[in-house]
Amino acid sequence: MTHASSNNQKKETARVELFSDGVFAIAITLLVLELIQILHPGTETDLLTTCFHHWHSFLAFFIGFITILVCWINHHVAFEYIQKVDTRFLWVNGFLLFVVTFTPFPTAILAQYMQTESTVALAVFGFNYILISIAANGICQYAYNHHLIAEEDRSFFNSYRLIYRYSIFYNILAFFICFLSTWVAVFLYIFLFVLFARPKELALQLQKIIKRQKSKSKAKEPPQNGEAENVVAGMEDDINGPI
């Protein structure tokens, strides 16, 4: 690879990340529009009373903000390892940005119907999490399969890819639990926030687990023919050696 082509690839990945950062910033800005609406209650109630009566809107804004922030952190970590892009990757990344810009809508539903229809509102919000996990997995899966990352980073990036694959099943489970217990589902989503707030550390832990499993598997494997002959020869030497 020439120096010029390497610079062009870095420039392309930088452009994709800068554009993505702009979309994340706009999505976070859209969240505050729901809060602005409560300043027009249509009654003569004072400001503190109005804000107190709309506490669920502030809670939904906080949840939506954390959701988009965690998405941005995970997206940023992925681009630390992605060294080049192609046209299809731009579409895969675009799907993630589409889901991110959609996030203020289920957040508004959660704020509006948290008290009256909490199950349905949380399910809609949870379905958005399923889309986010699918989109994040798509980015890492595509980058890994099409060698958009350096060879020396493939071991770690494989673990990074796997945490998003597992998150799809986790979010599907949490989605169905919404219809059984909203409080259990809320706990699962809080736990998800905590896990993916530090995605690099989570991937490193998974990488260590995978390496330990591979080491155990190799230790349990029977010796090959050559190794078996060496073992038998060693045993015969021990038997026939001087007493």
C-alpha atoms as a PDB file:
ATOM      1  CA  MET A   1       0.000   0.000   0.000  1.00  0.00           C
ATOM      2  CA  THR A   2       1.420   3.370  -1.002  1.00  0.00           C
ATOM      3  CA  HIS A   3       1.651   6.317   1.350  1.00  0.00           C
ATOM      4  CA  ALA A   4      -0.856   8.285  -0.769  1.00  0.00           C
ATOM      5  CA  SER A   5      -3.479   5.524  -0.701  1.00  0.00           C
ATOM      6  CA  SER A   6      -3.019   5.147   3.058  1.00  0.00           C
ATOM      7  CA  ASN A   7      -3.633   8.875   3.545  1.00  0.00           C
ATOM      8  CA  ASN A   8      -6.740   8.698   1.340  1.00  0.00           C
ATOM      9  CA  GLN A   9      -8.156   5.833   3.392  1.00  0.00           C
ATOM     10  CA  LYS A  10      -7.533   7.715   6.647  1.00  0.00           C
ATOM     11  CA  LYS A  11      -9.212  10.760   5.128  1.00  0.00           C
ATOM     12  CA  GLU A  12     -12.263   8.699   4.135  1.00  0.00           C
ATOM     13  CA  THR A  13     -12.666   7.125   7.587  1.00  0.00           C
ATOM     14  CA  ALA A  14     -12.247  10.573   9.167  1.00  0.00           C
ATOM     15  CA  ARG A  15     -14.994  11.979   6.923  1.00  0.00           C
ATOM     16  CA  VAL A  16     -17.351   9.141   7.835  1.00  0.00           C
ATOM     17  CA  GLU A  17     -16.702   9.615  11.541  1.00  0.00           C
ATOM     18  CA  LEU A  18     -17.112  13.400  11.354  1.00  0.00           C
ATOM     19  CA  PHE A  19     -20.404  13.058   9.492  1.00  0.00           C
ATOM     20  CA  SER A  20     -21.580  10.445  11.997  1.00  0.00           C
ATOM     21  CA  ASP A  21     -20.630  12.700  14.919  1.00  0.00           C
ATOM     22  CA  GLY A  22     -22.771  15.455  13.403  1.00  0.00           C
ATOM     23  CA  VAL A  23     -25.768  13.129  13.169  1.00  0.00           C
ATOM     24  CA  PHE A  24     -25.306  12.043  16.796  1.00  0.00           C
ATOM     25  CA  ALA A  25     -25.178  15.697  17.856  1.00  0.00           C
ATOM     26  CA  ILE A  26     -28.395  16.517  15.966  1.00  0.00           C
ATOM     27  CA  ALA A  27     -30.174  13.493  17.479  1.00  0.00           C
ATOM     28  CA  ILE A  28     -29.252  14.608  20.997  1.00  0.00           C
ATOM     29  CA  THR A  29     -30.462  18.139  20.187  1.00  0.00           C
ATOM     30  CA  LEU A  30     -33.832  16.785  19.041  1.00  0.00           C
ATOM     31  CA  LEU A  31     -34.371  15.214  22.458  1.00  0.00           C
ATOM     32  CA  VAL A  32     -34.687  18.595  24.146  1.00  0.00           C
ATOM     33  CA  LEU A  33     -37.653  19.574  21.945  1.00  0.00           C
ATOM     34  CA  GLU A  34     -39.872  17.364  24.089  1.00  0.00           C
ATOM     35  CA  LEU A  35     -38.830  19.349  27.161  1.00  0.00           C
ATOM     36  CA  ILE A  36     -39.527  22.662  25.433  1.00  0.00           C
ATOM     37  CA  GLN A  37     -43.121  21.553  24.865  1.00  0.00           C
ATOM     38  CA  ILE A  38     -43.843  21.439  28.609  1.00  0.00           C
ATOM     39  CA  LEU A  39     -43.233  25.200  28.810  1.00  0.00           C
ATOM     40  CA  HIS A  40     -46.547  25.692  26.989  1.00  0.00           C
ATOM     41  CA  PRO A  41     -49.003  23.971  29.355  1.00  0.00           C
ATOM     42  CA  GLY A  42     -51.998  26.102  28.377  1.00  0.00           C
ATOM     43  CA  THR A  43     -52.793  26.860  32.024  1.00  0.00           C
ATOM     44  CA  GLU A  44     -51.691  29.429  34.573  1.00  0.00           C
ATOM     45  CA  THR A  45     -49.653  26.996  36.682  1.00  0.00           C
ATOM     46  CA  ASP A  46     -46.269  28.203  37.860  1.00  0.00           C
ATOM     47  CA  LEU A  47     -42.982  26.951  36.421  1.00  0.00           C
ATOM     48  CA  LEU A  48     -41.968  24.647  39.286  1.00  0.00           C
ATOM     49  CA  THR A  49     -45.389  22.982  39.373  1.00  0.00           C
ATOM     50  CA  THR A  50     -45.312  22.491  35.604  1.00  0.00           C
ATOM     51  CA  CYS A  51     -41.853  20.905  35.723  1.00  0.00           C
ATOM     52  CA  PHE A  52     -42.872  18.687  38.638  1.00  0.00           C
ATOM     53  CA  HIS A  53     -45.969  17.464  36.808  1.00  0.00           C
ATOM     54  CA  HIS A  54     -43.797  16.551  33.808  1.00  0.00           C
ATOM     55  CA  TRP A  55     -41.051  14.714  35.700  1.00  0.00           C
ATOM     56  CA  HIS A  56     -41.447  11.758  33.335  1.00  0.00           C
ATOM     57  CA  SER A  57     -40.400  14.005  30.429  1.00  0.00           C
ATOM     58  CA  PHE A  58     -37.138  14.842  32.182  1.00  0.00           C
ATOM     59  CA  LEU A  59     -36.549  11.170  32.959  1.00  0.00           C
ATOM     60  CA  ALA A  60     -37.187  10.190  29.330  1.00  0.00           C
ATOM     61  CA  PHE A  61     -34.816  12.940  28.157  1.00  0.00           C
ATOM     62  CA  PHE A  62     -32.110  11.588  30.449  1.00  0.00           C
ATOM     63  CA  ILE A  63     -32.646   8.011  29.209  1.00  0.00           C
ATOM     64  CA  GLY A  64     -32.618   9.136  25.579  1.00  0.00           C
ATOM     65  CA  PHE A  65     -29.482  11.212  26.108  1.00  0.00           C
ATOM     66  CA  ILE A  66     -27.652   8.284  27.746  1.00  0.00           C
ATOM     67  CA  THR A  67     -28.815   5.972  24.938  1.00  0.00           C
ATOM     68  CA  ILE A  68     -27.390   8.180  22.178  1.00  0.00           C
ATOM     69  CA  LEU A  69     -24.242   8.940  24.191  1.00  0.00           C
ATOM     70  CA  VAL A  70     -23.534   5.217  24.711  1.00  0.00           C
ATOM     71  CA  CYS A  71     -24.148   4.622  20.990  1.00  0.00           C
ATOM     72  CA  TRP A  72     -21.653   7.369  20.147  1.00  0.00           C
ATOM     73  CA  ILE A  73     -19.029   5.927  22.520  1.00  0.00           C
ATOM     74  CA  ASN A  74     -19.374   2.474  20.945  1.00  0.00           C
ATOM     75  CA  HIS A  75     -19.291   3.936  17.428  1.00  0.00           C
ATOM     76  CA  HIS A  76     -16.154   5.919  18.304  1.00  0.00           C
ATOM     77  CA  VAL A  77     -14.359   2.841  19.676  1.00  0.00           C
ATOM     78  CA  ALA A  78     -15.198   0.865  16.519  1.00  0.00           C
ATOM     79  CA  PHE A  79     -13.675   3.599  14.335  1.00  0.00           C
ATOM     80  CA  GLU A  80     -10.469   3.470  16.344  1.00  0.00           C
ATOM     81  CA  TYR A  81      -9.826   0.159  14.544  1.00  0.00           C
ATOM     82  CA  ILE A  82     -11.579   0.661  11.192  1.00  0.00           C
ATOM     83  CA  GLN A  83      -8.862   1.845   8.799  1.00  0.00           C
ATOM     84  CA  LYS A  84     -10.723   1.977   5.487  1.00  0.00           C
ATOM     85  CA  VAL A  85     -14.253   2.078   4.151  1.00  0.00           C
ATOM     86  CA  ASP A  86     -16.101   1.159   0.989  1.00  0.00           C
ATOM     87  CA  THR A  87     -19.473   2.115  -0.479  1.00  0.00           C
ATOM     88  CA  ARG A  88     -21.411  -0.741   1.118  1.00  0.00           C
ATOM     89  CA  PHE A  89     -19.933   0.091   4.510  1.00  0.00           C
ATOM     90  CA  LEU A  90     -21.281   3.631   4.138  1.00  0.00           C
ATOM     91  CA  TRP A  91     -24.783   2.175   3.787  1.00  0.00           C
ATOM     92  CA  VAL A  92     -24.275  -0.066   6.817  1.00  0.00           C
ATOM     93  CA  ASN A  93     -23.100   2.929   8.834  1.00  0.00           C
ATOM     94  CA  GLY A  94     -26.019   4.925   7.440  1.00  0.00           C
ATOM     95  CA  PHE A  95     -28.464   2.396   8.881  1.00  0.00           C
ATOM     96  CA  LEU A  96     -27.009   2.976  12.348  1.00  0.00           C
ATOM     97  CA  LEU A  97     -27.360   6.748  11.885  1.00  0.00           C
ATOM     98  CA  PHE A  98     -30.964   6.227  10.757  1.00  0.00           C
ATOM     99  CA  VAL A  99     -31.747   4.345  13.961  1.00  0.00           C
ATOM    100  CA  VAL A 100     -29.980   6.980  16.062  1.00  0.00           C
ATOM    101  CA  THR A 101     -32.024   9.801  14.499  1.00  0.00           C
ATOM    102  CA  PHE A 102     -35.162   7.715  15.119  1.00  0.00           C
ATOM    103  CA  THR A 103     -34.358   7.420  18.848  1.00  0.00           C
ATOM    104  CA  PRO A 104     -36.001  10.733  19.885  1.00  0.00           C
ATOM    105  CA  PHE A 105     -39.370   9.361  18.678  1.00  0.00           C
ATOM    106  CA  PRO A 106     -39.589   6.321  21.023  1.00  0.00           C
ATOM    107  CA  THR A 107     -38.112   8.560  23.712  1.00  0.00           C
ATOM    108  CA  ALA A 108     -41.038  10.977  23.229  1.00  0.00           C
ATOM    109  CA  ILE A 109     -43.464   8.028  23.398  1.00  0.00           C
ATOM    110  CA  LEU A 110     -41.842   6.902  26.635  1.00  0.00           C
ATOM    111  CA  ALA A 111     -42.213  10.399  28.088  1.00  0.00           C
ATOM    112  CA  GLN A 112     -45.848  10.784  26.988  1.00  0.00           C
ATOM    113  CA  TYR A 113     -47.185   7.331  27.906  1.00  0.00           C
ATOM    114  CA  MET A 114     -44.924   6.249  30.765  1.00  0.00           C
ATOM    115  CA  GLN A 115     -47.710   6.629  33.322  1.00  0.00           C
ATOM    116  CA  THR A 116     -50.729   5.534  31.265  1.00  0.00           C
ATOM    117  CA  GLU A 117     -49.338   2.808  28.984  1.00  0.00           C
ATOM    118  CA  SER A 118     -45.943   1.983  30.453  1.00  0.00           C
ATOM    119  CA  THR A 119     -45.779  -1.538  28.982  1.00  0.00           C
ATOM    120  CA  VAL A 120     -46.365  -0.511  25.374  1.00  0.00           C
ATOM    121  CA  ALA A 121     -44.217   2.616  25.704  1.00  0.00           C
ATOM    122  CA  LEU A 122     -41.287   0.642  27.118  1.00  0.00           C
ATOM    123  CA  ALA A 123     -41.740  -2.042  24.440  1.00  0.00           C
ATOM    124  CA  VAL A 124     -41.525   0.581  21.683  1.00  0.00           C
ATOM    125  CA  PHE A 125     -38.421   2.007  23.302  1.00  0.00           C
ATOM    126  CA  GLY A 126     -36.971  -1.497  23.685  1.00  0.00           C
ATOM    127  CA  PHE A 127     -37.649  -2.315  20.031  1.00  0.00           C
ATOM    128  CA  ASN A 128     -35.471   0.658  19.161  1.00  0.00           C
ATOM    129  CA  TYR A 129     -32.706  -0.967  21.212  1.00  0.00           C
ATOM    130  CA  ILE A 130     -33.018  -4.100  19.100  1.00  0.00           C
ATOM    131  CA  LEU A 131     -32.523  -1.991  15.966  1.00  0.00           C
ATOM    132  CA  ILE A 132     -29.511  -0.259  17.521  1.00  0.00           C
ATOM    133  CA  SER A 133     -27.862  -3.568  18.418  1.00  0.00           C
ATOM    134  CA  ILE A 134     -28.521  -4.954  14.910  1.00  0.00           C
ATOM    135  CA  ALA A 135     -27.019  -1.817  13.336  1.00  0.00           C
ATOM    136  CA  ALA A 136     -23.949  -1.859  15.610  1.00  0.00           C
ATOM    137  CA  ASN A 137     -23.423  -5.550  14.929  1.00  0.00           C
ATOM    138  CA  GLY A 138     -23.739  -4.850  11.196  1.00  0.00           C
ATOM    139  CA  ILE A 139     -20.915  -2.291  11.292  1.00  0.00           C
ATOM    140  CA  CYS A 140     -18.532  -4.554  13.215  1.00  0.00           C
ATOM    141  CA  GLN A 141     -19.501  -7.664  11.254  1.00  0.00           C
ATOM    142  CA  TYR A 142     -18.967  -5.963   7.911  1.00  0.00           C
ATOM    143  CA  ALA A 143     -15.662  -4.387   8.946  1.00  0.00           C
ATOM    144  CA  TYR A 144     -14.393  -7.735  10.262  1.00  0.00           C
ATOM    145  CA  ASN A 145     -15.518  -9.858   7.307  1.00  0.00           C
ATOM    146  CA  HIS A 146     -14.246  -7.410   4.663  1.00  0.00           C
ATOM    147  CA  HIS A 147     -10.885  -6.775   6.375  1.00  0.00           C
ATOM    148  CA  LEU A 148     -11.412  -3.069   6.943  1.00  0.00           C
ATOM    149  CA  ILE A 149      -9.240  -3.363  10.048  1.00  0.00           C
ATOM    150  CA  ALA A 150      -5.558  -4.202  10.509  1.00  0.00           C
ATOM    151  CA  GLU A 151      -4.629  -7.868  10.832  1.00  0.00           C
ATOM    152  CA  GLU A 152      -3.028  -7.344  14.244  1.00  0.00           C
ATOM    153  CA  ASP A 153      -6.338  -5.978  15.575  1.00  0.00           C
ATOM    154  CA  ARG A 154      -8.538  -8.831  14.325  1.00  0.00           C
ATOM    155  CA  SER A 155      -8.370 -10.822  17.562  1.00  0.00           C
ATOM    156  CA  PHE A 156      -9.657  -7.931  19.669  1.00  0.00           C
ATOM    157  CA  PHE A 157     -12.134  -6.748  17.030  1.00  0.00           C
ATOM    158  CA  ASN A 158     -13.606 -10.252  16.866  1.00  0.00           C
ATOM    159  CA  SER A 159     -14.481  -9.944  20.563  1.00  0.00           C
ATOM    160  CA  TYR A 160     -15.804  -6.448  19.942  1.00  0.00           C
ATOM    161  CA  ARG A 161     -17.991  -7.850  17.177  1.00  0.00           C
ATOM    162  CA  LEU A 162     -19.293 -10.650  19.393  1.00  0.00           C
ATOM    163  CA  ILE A 163     -20.534  -8.363  22.177  1.00  0.00           C
ATOM    164  CA  TYR A 164     -22.964  -6.771  19.708  1.00  0.00           C
ATOM    165  CA  ARG A 165     -24.105 -10.126  18.401  1.00  0.00           C
ATOM    166  CA  TYR A 166     -24.908 -11.169  21.968  1.00  0.00           C
ATOM    167  CA  SER A 167     -26.604  -7.820  22.626  1.00  0.00           C
ATOM    168  CA  ILE A 168     -29.177  -8.580  19.901  1.00  0.00           C
ATOM    169  CA  PHE A 169     -30.427 -11.635  21.793  1.00  0.00           C
ATOM    170  CA  TYR A 170     -30.224  -9.736  25.087  1.00  0.00           C
ATOM    171  CA  ASN A 171     -32.425  -6.933  23.749  1.00  0.00           C
ATOM    172  CA  ILE A 172     -34.919  -9.350  22.225  1.00  0.00           C
ATOM    173  CA  LEU A 173     -35.228 -11.024  25.629  1.00  0.00           C
ATOM    174  CA  ALA A 174     -35.676  -7.667  27.380  1.00  0.00           C
ATOM    175  CA  PHE A 175     -38.290  -6.674  24.771  1.00  0.00           C
ATOM    176  CA  PHE A 176     -40.521  -9.659  25.573  1.00  0.00           C
ATOM    177  CA  ILE A 177     -39.981  -9.234  29.315  1.00  0.00           C
ATOM    178  CA  CYS A 178     -41.523  -5.747  28.932  1.00  0.00           C
ATOM    179  CA  PHE A 179     -44.921  -7.459  28.561  1.00  0.00           C
ATOM    180  CA  LEU A 180     -44.381  -9.530  31.710  1.00  0.00           C
ATOM    181  CA  SER A 181     -42.745  -7.031  34.063  1.00  0.00           C
ATOM    182  CA  THR A 182     -41.792  -3.466  33.211  1.00  0.00           C
ATOM    183  CA  TRP A 183     -39.580  -3.178  36.293  1.00  0.00           C
ATOM    184  CA  VAL A 184     -37.525  -6.238  35.359  1.00  0.00           C
ATOM    185  CA  ALA A 185     -37.174  -4.871  31.829  1.00  0.00           C
ATOM    186  CA  VAL A 186     -36.041  -1.488  33.188  1.00  0.00           C
ATOM    187  CA  PHE A 187     -33.411  -3.259  35.296  1.00  0.00           C
ATOM    188  CA  LEU A 188     -32.171  -5.167  32.228  1.00  0.00           C
ATOM    189  CA  TYR A 189     -31.834  -1.929  30.245  1.00  0.00           C
ATOM    190  CA  ILE A 190     -29.969  -0.228  33.103  1.00  0.00           C
ATOM    191  CA  PHE A 191     -27.606  -3.210  33.225  1.00  0.00           C
ATOM    192  CA  LEU A 192     -27.158  -2.888  29.463  1.00  0.00           C
ATOM    193  CA  PHE A 193     -26.196   0.787  29.894  1.00  0.00           C
ATOM    194  CA  VAL A 194     -23.575  -0.147  32.473  1.00  0.00           C
ATOM    195  CA  LEU A 195     -22.060  -2.876  30.282  1.00  0.00           C
ATOM    196  CA  PHE A 196     -21.813  -0.856  27.076  1.00  0.00           C
ATOM    197  CA  ALA A 197     -20.719   2.367  28.744  1.00  0.00           C
ATOM    198  CA  ARG A 198     -17.206   0.859  28.555  1.00  0.00           C
ATOM    199  CA  PRO A 199     -17.302  -1.304  25.407  1.00  0.00           C
ATOM    200  CA  LYS A 200     -13.531  -1.678  25.030  1.00  0.00           C
ATOM    201  CA  GLU A 201     -13.167  -3.109  28.540  1.00  0.00           C
ATOM    202  CA  LEU A 202     -16.146  -5.407  27.905  1.00  0.00           C
ATOM    203  CA  ALA A 203     -14.581  -6.696  24.669  1.00  0.00           C
ATOM    204  CA  LEU A 204     -11.230  -7.243  26.412  1.00  0.00           C
ATOM    205  CA  GLN A 205     -12.909  -9.341  29.098  1.00  0.00           C
ATOM    206  CA  LEU A 206     -14.631 -11.416  26.428  1.00  0.00           C
ATOM    207  CA  GLN A 207     -11.308 -11.821  24.593  1.00  0.00           C
ATOM    208  CA  LYS A 208      -9.699 -13.175  27.779  1.00  0.00           C
ATOM    209  CA  ILE A 209     -12.563 -15.652  28.219  1.00  0.00           C
ATOM    210  CA  ILE A 210     -12.202 -16.849  24.607  1.00  0.00           C
ATOM    211  CA  LYS A 211      -8.439 -17.316  25.037  1.00  0.00           C
ATOM    212  CA  ARG A 212      -8.957 -19.315  28.250  1.00  0.00           C
ATOM    213  CA  GLN A 213     -11.507 -21.529  26.519  1.00  0.00           C
ATOM    214  CA  LYS A 214      -9.115 -22.163  23.626  1.00  0.00           C
ATOM    215  CA  SER A 215      -6.304 -23.014  26.043  1.00  0.00           C
ATOM    216  CA  LYS A 216      -8.529 -25.491  27.886  1.00  0.00           C
ATOM    217  CA  SER A 217      -9.618 -27.064  24.589  1.00  0.00           C
ATOM    218  CA  LYS A 218      -6.024 -27.523  23.467  1.00  0.00           C
ATOM    219  CA  ALA A 219      -5.100 -29.034  26.820  1.00  0.00           C
ATOM    220  CA  LYS A 220      -7.921 -31.592  26.505  1.00  0.00           C
ATOM    221  CA  GLU A 221      -6.992 -32.597  22.947  1.00  0.00           C
ATOM    222  CA  PRO A 222      -5.358 -36.047  22.655  1.00  0.00           C
ATOM    223  CA  PRO A 223      -1.708 -35.995  21.500  1.00  0.00           C
ATOM    224  CA  GLN A 224      -1.016 -36.363  17.787  1.00  0.00           C
ATOM    225  CA  ASN A 225       0.652 -39.497  16.374  1.00  0.00           C
ATOM    226  CA  GLY A 226       4.149 -38.025  16.611  1.00  0.00           C
ATOM    227  CA  GLU A 227       3.528 -36.747  20.111  1.00  0.00           C
ATOM    228  CA  ALA A 228       2.104 -40.116  21.161  1.00  0.00           C
ATOM    229  CA  GLU A 229       5.188 -41.932  19.846  1.00  0.00           C
ATOM    230  CA  ASN A 230       7.439 -39.588  21.816  1.00  0.00           C
ATOM    231  CA  VAL A 231       5.441 -40.240  24.964  1.00  0.00           C
ATOM    232  CA  VAL A 232       5.621 -44.040  24.464  1.00  0.00           C
ATOM    233  CA  ALA A 233       9.371 -43.851  23.718  1.00  0.00           C
ATOM    234  CA  GLY A 234       9.883 -41.843  26.872  1.00  0.00           C
ATOM    235  CA  MET A 235       7.967 -44.405  28.909  1.00  0.00           C
ATOM    236  CA  GLU A 236      10.046 -47.249  27.424  1.00  0.00           C
ATOM    237  CA  ASP A 237      13.252 -45.424  28.289  1.00  0.00           C
ATOM    238  CA  ASP A 238      12.064 -45.086  31.845  1.00  0.00           C
ATOM    239  CA  ILE A 239      11.252 -48.787  32.036  1.00  0.00           C
ATOM    240  CA  ASN A 240      14.435 -50.014  30.364  1.00  0.00           C
ATOM    241  CA  GLY A 241      16.727 -47.549  32.085  1.00  0.00           C
ATOM    242  CA  PRO A 242      19.070 -48.420  34.920  1.00  0.00           C
ATOM    243  CA  ILE A 243      17.441 -49.456  38.141  1.00  0.00           C
END
